[in-house]
Amino acid sequence: MSDRILTLTFFLMFIAIIFVCANVANSQVVKVLLASMEGSRIHLEQFPAYALELNPDEEVWNYLKRVELKNVNCQNLDQLRDELRKAKERLRHKTEVIKSFSRMAGLY
């Protein structure tokens, strides 16, 4: 599946998958999963392709760029990749910040 899944959020044993491309919901694997017992806990939500203000993923990148990597100066792509990985790991533990991305988009 080449489509990019933007956000996977867990709320009290309920899974919301937010995606951009309609091909995700139309794939046979997803249809089988949604028809199963486990699939009853999954809700798919599609974003319009060009509605950046509704996309929490854009807030993640904005936060990483303006907060976590604000004063980072990398000499090459390997160093940038390493700094981005470390920034992503720091963000991963900031659950309130992550929830705020969905609130900004009016999803939470």
Protein backbone atom coordinates (compact mmCIF):
# COMPACT_ATOMS: atom_id res chain seq x y z
CA MET A 1 0.00 0.00 0.00
CA SER A 2 1.76 3.15 -1.15
CA ASP A 3 -0.68 5.59 0.45
CA ARG A 4 0.52 7.54 3.43
CA ILE A 5 -1.41 7.11 6.65
CA LEU A 6 -1.11 10.39 8.49
CA THR A 7 -2.14 9.72 12.02
CA LEU A 8 -2.95 6.71 14.13
CA THR A 9 -4.63 7.76 17.37
CA PHE A 10 -5.85 5.55 20.21
CA PHE A 11 -8.79 6.71 22.36
CA LEU A 12 -9.96 4.22 25.04
CA MET A 13 -9.68 1.10 22.93
CA PHE A 14 -10.99 2.93 19.87
CA ILE A 15 -8.73 3.52 16.87
CA ALA A 16 -9.17 6.46 14.51
CA ILE A 17 -7.17 6.32 11.30
CA ILE A 18 -6.94 9.60 9.47
CA PHE A 19 -5.74 9.54 5.86
CA VAL A 20 -5.56 11.65 2.74
CA CYS A 21 -5.94 9.25 -0.15
CA ALA A 22 -9.17 7.35 -0.77
CA ASN A 23 -7.18 4.34 -1.97
CA VAL A 24 -6.47 3.40 1.66
CA ALA A 25 -10.14 2.75 2.44
CA ASN A 26 -10.65 0.92 -0.85
CA SER A 27 -7.83 -1.59 -0.40
CA GLN A 28 -8.88 -5.20 0.12
CA VAL A 29 -6.77 -5.55 3.28
CA VAL A 30 -8.53 -2.58 4.91
CA LYS A 31 -11.99 -3.83 3.84
CA VAL A 32 -11.31 -7.25 5.40
CA LEU A 33 -10.05 -5.64 8.61
CA LEU A 34 -13.06 -3.32 8.90
CA ALA A 35 -15.44 -6.26 8.38
CA SER A 36 -13.81 -8.23 11.22
CA MET A 37 -14.63 -8.04 14.93
CA GLU A 38 -11.48 -6.00 15.57
CA GLY A 39 -12.53 -3.65 12.79
CA SER A 40 -15.60 -2.56 14.74
CA ARG A 41 -13.28 -0.42 16.88
CA ILE A 42 -11.78 1.33 13.86
CA HIS A 43 -13.07 4.55 12.38
CA LEU A 44 -11.68 5.89 9.09
CA GLU A 45 -11.69 9.61 8.45
CA GLN A 46 -10.61 11.12 5.14
CA PHE A 47 -9.13 14.59 4.83
CA PRO A 48 -9.43 16.67 1.68
CA ALA A 49 -6.10 16.55 -0.13
CA TYR A 50 -5.38 20.28 0.09
CA ALA A 51 -6.87 21.25 3.45
CA LEU A 52 -3.64 21.80 5.36
CA GLU A 53 -5.41 23.52 8.25
CA LEU A 54 -7.39 20.32 8.88
CA ASN A 55 -4.34 18.09 8.80
CA PRO A 56 -2.75 17.38 12.22
CA ASP A 57 0.28 15.99 10.40
CA GLU A 58 1.11 19.52 9.25
CA GLU A 59 1.15 20.65 12.89
CA VAL A 60 3.56 17.83 13.75
CA TRP A 61 6.02 18.98 11.09
CA ASN A 62 5.54 22.61 12.09
CA TYR A 63 6.29 21.76 15.74
CA LEU A 64 9.35 19.72 14.86
CA LYS A 65 10.68 22.49 12.63
CA ARG A 66 9.94 25.47 14.90
CA VAL A 67 10.48 23.93 18.35
CA GLU A 68 12.49 20.72 18.41
CA LEU A 69 14.85 21.58 15.53
CA LYS A 70 14.77 25.38 15.95
CA ASN A 71 18.50 25.96 16.43
CA VAL A 72 19.84 22.77 14.86
CA ASN A 73 22.51 23.29 12.22
CA CYS A 74 23.35 20.09 10.33
CA GLN A 75 26.38 19.62 8.10
CA ASN A 76 24.91 16.82 5.99
CA LEU A 77 21.78 14.75 5.43
CA ASP A 78 22.90 11.95 7.77
CA GLN A 79 23.21 14.42 10.62
CA LEU A 80 19.82 15.93 9.75
CA ARG A 81 18.26 12.46 9.70
CA ASP A 82 19.75 11.73 13.14
CA GLU A 83 18.56 15.05 14.60
CA LEU A 84 15.07 14.51 13.16
CA ARG A 85 14.94 11.02 14.67
CA LYS A 86 15.93 12.39 18.10
CA ALA A 87 13.37 15.22 17.81
CA LYS A 88 10.67 12.70 16.87
CA GLU A 89 11.56 10.59 19.92
CA ARG A 90 11.34 13.64 22.21
CA LEU A 91 7.94 14.56 20.74
CA ARG A 92 6.69 11.01 21.13
CA HIS A 93 6.67 11.43 24.92
CA LYS A 94 4.82 14.77 24.87
CA THR A 95 1.27 13.43 24.69
CA GLU A 96 -0.42 16.74 25.47
CA VAL A 97 1.45 18.44 22.64
CA ILE A 98 0.44 15.63 20.27
CA LYS A 99 -3.21 15.91 21.34
CA SER A 100 -3.06 19.65 20.70
CA PHE A 101 -2.38 19.00 17.01
CA SER A 102 -5.77 17.31 16.69
CA ARG A 103 -7.45 20.05 18.73
CA MET A 104 -6.01 22.72 16.42
CA ALA A 105 -7.60 20.93 13.49
CA GLY A 106 -10.92 20.66 15.36
CA LEU A 107 -10.73 16.87 15.59
CA TYR A 108 -10.40 16.41 19.34
